[in-house]
Amino acid sequence: MLFPVHQGLTLKIETGVVKWFNNDKGFGFIMPELGGKDLFAHYSEIQGDGHKSLEENQRVSFVVGQGQKGPTAMKITVI
């Protein structure tokens, strides 16, 4: 599936599994199913209402973006 970002630009939605997530600090890492480096996951990118948290081994979908320190998961959704 493709996700529209800007006019004429789309990002591919990928899937992965939460490696770990620290609820107190609000971040963790996701292992992409297609392989590659683990992706940084920040609570502010978790979609939905209420408390924004992830559980270890939870399946998620996301788009890959570039953060200050490397690749990051954006628009994270639990699937």
PDB file of N, CA and C in Angstrom:
ATOM      1  N   MET A   1       0.849  -1.162   0.000  1.00  0.00           N
ATOM      2  CA  MET A   1       0.000   0.000   0.000  1.00  0.00           C
ATOM      3  C   MET A   1       0.900   1.232   0.000  1.00  0.00           C
ATOM      4  N   LEU A   2       0.425   2.295  -0.650  1.00  0.00           N
ATOM      5  CA  LEU A   2       1.179   3.539  -0.700  1.00  0.00           C
ATOM      6  C   LEU A   2       0.484   4.594   0.132  1.00  0.00           C
ATOM      7  N   PHE A   3       1.253   5.469   0.704  1.00  0.00           N
ATOM      8  CA  PHE A   3       0.738   6.518   1.577  1.00  0.00           C
ATOM      9  C   PHE A   3       1.089   7.872   0.973  1.00  0.00           C
ATOM     10  N   PRO A   4       0.078   8.714   0.606  1.00  0.00           N
ATOM     11  CA  PRO A   4       0.392  10.011   0.011  1.00  0.00           C
ATOM     12  C   PRO A   4       1.048  10.938   1.027  1.00  0.00           C
ATOM     13  N   VAL A   5       2.128  11.588   0.621  1.00  0.00           N
ATOM     14  CA  VAL A   5       2.840  12.493   1.509  1.00  0.00           C
ATOM     15  C   VAL A   5       2.703  13.921   1.014  1.00  0.00           C
ATOM     16  N   HIS A   6       3.184  14.169  -0.168  1.00  0.00           N
ATOM     17  CA  HIS A   6       3.062  15.461  -0.825  1.00  0.00           C
ATOM     18  C   HIS A   6       2.579  15.186  -2.236  1.00  0.00           C
ATOM     19  N   GLN A   7       2.151  16.212  -2.924  1.00  0.00           N
ATOM     20  CA  GLN A   7       1.689  16.041  -4.291  1.00  0.00           C
ATOM     21  C   GLN A   7       2.773  15.338  -5.113  1.00  0.00           C
ATOM     22  N   GLY A   8       2.434  14.209  -5.691  1.00  0.00           N
ATOM     23  CA  GLY A   8       3.363  13.469  -6.527  1.00  0.00           C
ATOM     24  C   GLY A   8       4.350  12.590  -5.776  1.00  0.00           C
ATOM     25  N   LEU A   9       4.291  12.542  -4.440  1.00  0.00           N
ATOM     26  CA  LEU A   9       5.228  11.741  -3.651  1.00  0.00           C
ATOM     27  C   LEU A   9       4.445  10.805  -2.738  1.00  0.00           C
ATOM     28  N   THR A  10       4.791   9.524  -2.774  1.00  0.00           N
ATOM     29  CA  THR A  10       4.148   8.555  -1.885  1.00  0.00           C
ATOM     30  C   THR A  10       5.217   7.729  -1.183  1.00  0.00           C
ATOM     31  N   LEU A  11       4.872   7.233  -0.016  1.00  0.00           N
ATOM     32  CA  LEU A  11       5.761   6.362   0.744  1.00  0.00           C
ATOM     33  C   LEU A  11       5.094   5.004   0.900  1.00  0.00           C
ATOM     34  N   LYS A  12       5.880   3.956   0.845  1.00  0.00           N
ATOM     35  CA  LYS A  12       5.366   2.599   0.986  1.00  0.00           C
ATOM     36  C   LYS A  12       5.175   2.272   2.461  1.00  0.00           C
ATOM     37  N   ILE A  13       4.030   1.690   2.772  1.00  0.00           N
ATOM     38  CA  ILE A  13       3.781   1.228   4.136  1.00  0.00           C
ATOM     39  C   ILE A  13       4.445  -0.134   4.303  1.00  0.00           C
ATOM     40  N   GLU A  14       5.255  -0.267   5.345  1.00  0.00           N
ATOM     41  CA  GLU A  14       5.954  -1.513   5.648  1.00  0.00           C
ATOM     42  C   GLU A  14       5.411  -2.097   6.947  1.00  0.00           C
ATOM     43  N   THR A  15       5.800  -3.332   7.234  1.00  0.00           N
ATOM     44  CA  THR A  15       5.390  -3.982   8.479  1.00  0.00           C
ATOM     45  C   THR A  15       6.626  -4.462   9.227  1.00  0.00           C
ATOM     46  N   GLY A  16       6.442  -4.682  10.521  1.00  0.00           N
ATOM     47  CA  GLY A  16       7.535  -5.156  11.350  1.00  0.00           C
ATOM     48  C   GLY A  16       7.029  -5.585  12.707  1.00  0.00           C
ATOM     49  N   VAL A  17       7.972  -5.886  13.590  1.00  0.00           N
ATOM     50  CA  VAL A  17       7.659  -6.351  14.939  1.00  0.00           C
ATOM     51  C   VAL A  17       8.408  -5.469  15.936  1.00  0.00           C
ATOM     52  N   VAL A  18       7.726  -5.103  17.014  1.00  0.00           N
ATOM     53  CA  VAL A  18       8.349  -4.285  18.050  1.00  0.00           C
ATOM     54  C   VAL A  18       9.421  -5.113  18.752  1.00  0.00           C
ATOM     55  N   LYS A  19      10.651  -4.634  18.721  1.00  0.00           N
ATOM     56  CA  LYS A  19      11.767  -5.311  19.398  1.00  0.00           C
ATOM     57  C   LYS A  19      11.684  -5.023  20.890  1.00  0.00           C
ATOM     58  N   TRP A  20      11.558  -3.749  21.244  1.00  0.00           N
ATOM     59  CA  TRP A  20      11.314  -3.329  22.627  1.00  0.00           C
ATOM     60  C   TRP A  20      10.784  -1.907  22.609  1.00  0.00           C
ATOM     61  N   PHE A  21      10.070  -1.540  23.673  1.00  0.00           N
ATOM     62  CA  PHE A  21       9.520  -0.190  23.807  1.00  0.00           C
ATOM     63  C   PHE A  21       9.487   0.165  25.283  1.00  0.00           C
ATOM     64  N   ASN A  22      10.101   1.292  25.645  1.00  0.00           N
ATOM     65  CA  ASN A  22      10.145   1.762  27.023  1.00  0.00           C
ATOM     66  C   ASN A  22       9.025   2.782  27.213  1.00  0.00           C
ATOM     67  N   ASN A  23       7.962   2.386  27.922  1.00  0.00           N
ATOM     68  CA  ASN A  23       6.817   3.277  28.125  1.00  0.00           C
ATOM     69  C   ASN A  23       7.184   4.531  28.905  1.00  0.00           C
ATOM     70  N   ASP A  24       8.080   4.405  29.875  1.00  0.00           N
ATOM     71  CA  ASP A  24       8.466   5.565  30.686  1.00  0.00           C
ATOM     72  C   ASP A  24       9.190   6.620  29.857  1.00  0.00           C
ATOM     73  N   LYS A  25      10.030   6.175  28.937  1.00  0.00           N
ATOM     74  CA  LYS A  25      10.796   7.114  28.108  1.00  0.00           C
ATOM     75  C   LYS A  25      10.103   7.445  26.790  1.00  0.00           C
ATOM     76  N   GLY A  26       9.130   6.610  26.393  1.00  0.00           N
ATOM     77  CA  GLY A  26       8.341   6.889  25.197  1.00  0.00           C
ATOM     78  C   GLY A  26       9.013   6.558  23.877  1.00  0.00           C
ATOM     79  N   PHE A  27       9.933   5.596  23.892  1.00  0.00           N
ATOM     80  CA  PHE A  27      10.550   5.201  22.630  1.00  0.00           C
ATOM     81  C   PHE A  27      11.008   3.752  22.686  1.00  0.00           C
ATOM     82  N   GLY A  28      11.339   3.220  21.517  1.00  0.00           N
ATOM     83  CA  GLY A  28      11.840   1.863  21.399  1.00  0.00           C
ATOM     84  C   GLY A  28      12.302   1.616  19.978  1.00  0.00           C
ATOM     85  N   PHE A  29      12.330   0.339  19.575  1.00  0.00           N
ATOM     86  CA  PHE A  29      12.797  -0.013  18.239  1.00  0.00           C
ATOM     87  C   PHE A  29      11.900  -1.072  17.613  1.00  0.00           C
ATOM     88  N   ILE A  30      11.783  -0.998  16.292  1.00  0.00           N
ATOM     89  CA  ILE A  30      10.989  -1.931  15.497  1.00  0.00           C
ATOM     90  C   ILE A  30      11.923  -2.658  14.538  1.00  0.00           C
ATOM     91  N   MET A  31      11.740  -3.987  14.416  1.00  0.00           N
ATOM     92  CA  MET A  31      12.490  -4.795  13.448  1.00  0.00           C
ATOM     93  C   MET A  31      11.646  -4.901  12.173  1.00  0.00           C
ATOM     94  N   PRO A  32      12.093  -4.340  11.059  1.00  0.00           N
ATOM     95  CA  PRO A  32      11.331  -4.442   9.810  1.00  0.00           C
ATOM     96  C   PRO A  32      11.279  -5.885   9.309  1.00  0.00           C
ATOM     97  N   GLU A  33      10.120  -6.312   8.813  1.00  0.00           N
ATOM     98  CA  GLU A  33       9.982  -7.679   8.296  1.00  0.00           C
ATOM     99  C   GLU A  33      10.828  -7.903   7.054  1.00  0.00           C
ATOM    100  N   LEU A  34      11.107  -6.843   6.292  1.00  0.00           N
ATOM    101  CA  LEU A  34      11.912  -6.978   5.083  1.00  0.00           C
ATOM    102  C   LEU A  34      13.406  -6.978   5.378  1.00  0.00           C
ATOM    103  N   GLY A  35      13.761  -6.892   6.653  1.00  0.00           N
ATOM    104  CA  GLY A  35      15.165  -6.888   7.043  1.00  0.00           C
ATOM    105  C   GLY A  35      15.724  -5.477   7.104  1.00  0.00           C
ATOM    106  N   GLY A  36      16.992  -5.382   7.369  1.00  0.00           N
ATOM    107  CA  GLY A  36      17.640  -4.084   7.494  1.00  0.00           C
ATOM    108  C   GLY A  36      17.774  -3.682   8.949  1.00  0.00           C
ATOM    109  N   LYS A  37      18.247  -2.453   9.144  1.00  0.00           N
ATOM    110  CA  LYS A  37      18.472  -1.940  10.494  1.00  0.00           C
ATOM    111  C   LYS A  37      17.162  -1.778  11.253  1.00  0.00           C
ATOM    112  N   ASP A  38      17.234  -1.968  12.569  1.00  0.00           N
ATOM    113  CA  ASP A  38      16.080  -1.676  13.417  1.00  0.00           C
ATOM    114  C   ASP A  38      15.768  -0.190  13.307  1.00  0.00           C
ATOM    115  N   LEU A  39      14.482   0.140  13.411  1.00  0.00           N
ATOM    116  CA  LEU A  39      14.030   1.518  13.267  1.00  0.00           C
ATOM    117  C   LEU A  39      13.637   2.106  14.613  1.00  0.00           C
ATOM    118  N   PHE A  40      14.070   3.311  14.868  1.00  0.00           N
ATOM    119  CA  PHE A  40      13.682   4.045  16.067  1.00  0.00           C
ATOM    120  C   PHE A  40      12.176   4.284  16.018  1.00  0.00           C
ATOM    121  N   ALA A  41      11.496   4.124  17.147  1.00  0.00           N
ATOM    122  CA  ALA A  41      10.050   4.347  17.242  1.00  0.00           C
ATOM    123  C   ALA A  41       9.767   5.271  18.420  1.00  0.00           C
ATOM    124  N   HIS A  42       9.175   6.431  18.141  1.00  0.00           N
ATOM    125  CA  HIS A  42       8.835   7.409  19.183  1.00  0.00           C
ATOM    126  C   HIS A  42       7.328   7.395  19.399  1.00  0.00           C
ATOM    127  N   TYR A  43       6.902   7.567  20.648  1.00  0.00           N
ATOM    128  CA  TYR A  43       5.472   7.503  20.971  1.00  0.00           C
ATOM    129  C   TYR A  43       4.646   8.492  20.155  1.00  0.00           C
ATOM    130  N   SER A  44       5.220   9.619  19.768  1.00  0.00           N
ATOM    131  CA  SER A  44       4.465  10.638  19.028  1.00  0.00           C
ATOM    132  C   SER A  44       4.070  10.167  17.632  1.00  0.00           C
ATOM    133  N   GLU A  45       4.693   9.096  17.129  1.00  0.00           N
ATOM    134  CA  GLU A  45       4.365   8.567  15.801  1.00  0.00           C
ATOM    135  C   GLU A  45       3.342   7.433  15.858  1.00  0.00           C
ATOM    136  N   ILE A  46       2.928   7.024  17.062  1.00  0.00           N
ATOM    137  CA  ILE A  46       1.929   5.965  17.203  1.00  0.00           C
ATOM    138  C   ILE A  46       0.556   6.566  16.931  1.00  0.00           C
ATOM    139  N   GLN A  47      -0.144   5.988  15.965  1.00  0.00           N
ATOM    140  CA  GLN A  47      -1.450   6.484  15.560  1.00  0.00           C
ATOM    141  C   GLN A  47      -2.534   5.996  16.514  1.00  0.00           C
ATOM    142  N   GLY A  48      -3.594   6.784  16.652  1.00  0.00           N
ATOM    143  CA  GLY A  48      -4.717   6.411  17.503  1.00  0.00           C
ATOM    144  C   GLY A  48      -4.854   7.333  18.692  1.00  0.00           C
ATOM    145  N   ASP A  49      -5.957   7.180  19.393  1.00  0.00           N
ATOM    146  CA  ASP A  49      -6.246   8.004  20.563  1.00  0.00           C
ATOM    147  C   ASP A  49      -5.789   7.296  21.830  1.00  0.00           C
ATOM    148  N   GLY A  50      -5.699   8.048  22.899  1.00  0.00           N
ATOM    149  CA  GLY A  50      -5.363   7.463  24.194  1.00  0.00           C
ATOM    150  C   GLY A  50      -3.869   7.335  24.404  1.00  0.00           C
ATOM    151  N   HIS A  51      -3.504   6.480  25.362  1.00  0.00           N
ATOM    152  CA  HIS A  51      -2.102   6.261  25.725  1.00  0.00           C
ATOM    153  C   HIS A  51      -1.350   5.642  24.552  1.00  0.00           C
ATOM    154  N   LYS A  52      -0.251   6.234  24.169  1.00  0.00           N
ATOM    155  CA  LYS A  52       0.504   5.771  23.007  1.00  0.00           C
ATOM    156  C   LYS A  52       1.671   4.913  23.459  1.00  0.00           C
ATOM    157  N   SER A  53       1.503   3.612  23.284  1.00  0.00           N
ATOM    158  CA  SER A  53       2.475   2.645  23.766  1.00  0.00           C
ATOM    159  C   SER A  53       2.513   1.451  22.820  1.00  0.00           C
ATOM    160  N   LEU A  54       3.624   0.726  22.830  1.00  0.00           N
ATOM    161  CA  LEU A  54       3.764  -0.497  22.053  1.00  0.00           C
ATOM    162  C   LEU A  54       4.237  -1.610  22.971  1.00  0.00           C
ATOM    163  N   GLU A  55       3.950  -2.850  22.573  1.00  0.00           N
ATOM    164  CA  GLU A  55       4.346  -4.028  23.351  1.00  0.00           C
ATOM    165  C   GLU A  55       5.396  -4.816  22.570  1.00  0.00           C
ATOM    166  N   GLU A  56       6.312  -5.445  23.276  1.00  0.00           N
ATOM    167  CA  GLU A  56       7.312  -6.298  22.645  1.00  0.00           C
ATOM    168  C   GLU A  56       6.623  -7.379  21.818  1.00  0.00           C
ATOM    169  N   ASN A  57       7.142  -7.651  20.627  1.00  0.00           N
ATOM    170  CA  ASN A  57       6.636  -8.653  19.674  1.00  0.00           C
ATOM    171  C   ASN A  57       5.314  -8.284  19.017  1.00  0.00           C
ATOM    172  N   GLN A  58       4.825  -7.080  19.208  1.00  0.00           N
ATOM    173  CA  GLN A  58       3.589  -6.625  18.582  1.00  0.00           C
ATOM    174  C   GLN A  58       3.861  -6.324  17.101  1.00  0.00           C
ATOM    175  N   ARG A  59       2.946  -6.753  16.208  1.00  0.00           N
ATOM    176  CA  ARG A  59       3.078  -6.443  14.778  1.00  0.00           C
ATOM    177  C   ARG A  59       2.559  -5.045  14.531  1.00  0.00           C
ATOM    178  N   VAL A  60       3.304  -4.292  13.721  1.00  0.00           N
ATOM    179  CA  VAL A  60       2.941  -2.913  13.412  1.00  0.00           C
ATOM    180  C   VAL A  60       3.175  -2.631  11.936  1.00  0.00           C
ATOM    181  N   SER A  61       2.482  -1.608  11.433  1.00  0.00           N
ATOM    182  CA  SER A  61       2.776  -1.073  10.107  1.00  0.00           C
ATOM    183  C   SER A  61       3.302   0.341  10.306  1.00  0.00           C
ATOM    184  N   PHE A  62       4.060   0.831   9.331  1.00  0.00           N
ATOM    185  CA  PHE A  62       4.708   2.133   9.464  1.00  0.00           C
ATOM    186  C   PHE A  62       5.267   2.555   8.112  1.00  0.00           C
ATOM    187  N   VAL A  63       5.670   3.799   8.017  1.00  0.00           N
ATOM    188  CA  VAL A  63       6.461   4.267   6.885  1.00  0.00           C
ATOM    189  C   VAL A  63       7.835   4.633   7.435  1.00  0.00           C
ATOM    190  N   VAL A  64       8.855   4.461   6.624  1.00  0.00           N
ATOM    191  CA  VAL A  64      10.223   4.747   7.060  1.00  0.00           C
ATOM    192  C   VAL A  64      10.568   6.192   6.726  1.00  0.00           C
ATOM    193  N   GLY A  65      11.039   6.904   7.728  1.00  0.00           N
ATOM    194  CA  GLY A  65      11.488   8.275   7.546  1.00  0.00           C
ATOM    195  C   GLY A  65      12.914   8.425   8.039  1.00  0.00           C
ATOM    196  N   GLN A  66      13.441   9.619   7.915  1.00  0.00           N
ATOM    197  CA  GLN A  66      14.803   9.892   8.364  1.00  0.00           C
ATOM    198  C   GLN A  66      14.741  10.779   9.591  1.00  0.00           C
ATOM    199  N   GLY A  67      15.254  10.282  10.706  1.00  0.00           N
ATOM    200  CA  GLY A  67      15.314  11.057  11.936  1.00  0.00           C
ATOM    201  C   GLY A  67      16.669  11.722  12.094  1.00  0.00           C
ATOM    202  N   GLN A  68      16.874  12.390  13.209  1.00  0.00           N
ATOM    203  CA  GLN A  68      18.134  13.082  13.466  1.00  0.00           C
ATOM    204  C   GLN A  68      19.316  12.124  13.557  1.00  0.00           C
ATOM    205  N   LYS A  69      19.063  10.894  14.020  1.00  0.00           N
ATOM    206  CA  LYS A  69      20.158   9.939  14.220  1.00  0.00           C
ATOM    207  C   LYS A  69      20.065   8.722  13.309  1.00  0.00           C
ATOM    208  N   GLY A  70      19.202   8.767  12.303  1.00  0.00           N
ATOM    209  CA  GLY A  70      19.087   7.644  11.386  1.00  0.00           C
ATOM    210  C   GLY A  70      17.643   7.330  11.050  1.00  0.00           C
ATOM    211  N   PRO A  71      17.409   6.153  10.457  1.00  0.00           N
ATOM    212  CA  PRO A  71      16.061   5.769  10.044  1.00  0.00           C
ATOM    213  C   PRO A  71      15.103   5.692  11.229  1.00  0.00           C
ATOM    214  N   THR A  72      13.878   6.116  10.997  1.00  0.00           N
ATOM    215  CA  THR A  72      12.868   6.106  12.051  1.00  0.00           C
ATOM    216  C   THR A  72      11.533   5.625  11.495  1.00  0.00           C
ATOM    217  N   ALA A  73      10.739   4.966  12.328  1.00  0.00           N
ATOM    218  CA  ALA A  73       9.397   4.530  11.940  1.00  0.00           C
ATOM    219  C   ALA A  73       8.431   5.685  12.179  1.00  0.00           C
ATOM    220  N   MET A  74       7.610   5.975  11.175  1.00  0.00           N
ATOM    221  CA  MET A  74       6.631   7.051  11.268  1.00  0.00           C
ATOM    222  C   MET A  74       5.240   6.485  11.013  1.00  0.00           C
ATOM    223  N   LYS A  75       4.224   7.187  11.509  1.00  0.00           N
ATOM    224  CA  LYS A  75       2.826   6.772  11.315  1.00  0.00           C
ATOM    225  C   LYS A  75       2.642   5.301  11.696  1.00  0.00           C
ATOM    226  N   ILE A  76       3.067   4.963  12.908  1.00  0.00           N
ATOM    227  CA  ILE A  76       3.037   3.583  13.406  1.00  0.00           C
ATOM    228  C   ILE A  76       1.609   3.185  13.779  1.00  0.00           C
ATOM    229  N   THR A  77       1.169   2.042  13.265  1.00  0.00           N
ATOM    230  CA  THR A  77      -0.164   1.517  13.556  1.00  0.00           C
ATOM    231  C   THR A  77      -0.049   0.054  13.966  1.00  0.00           C
ATOM    232  N   VAL A  78      -0.713  -0.320  15.051  1.00  0.00           N
ATOM    233  CA  VAL A  78      -0.746  -1.721  15.477  1.00  0.00           C
ATOM    234  C   VAL A  78      -1.649  -2.485  14.521  1.00  0.00           C
ATOM    235  N   ILE A  79      -1.188  -3.669  14.072  1.00  0.00           N
ATOM    236  CA  ILE A  79      -2.002  -4.479  13.142  1.00  0.00           C
ATOM    237  C   ILE A  79      -2.274  -5.856  13.729  1.00  0.00           C
TER     238      ILE A  79
END
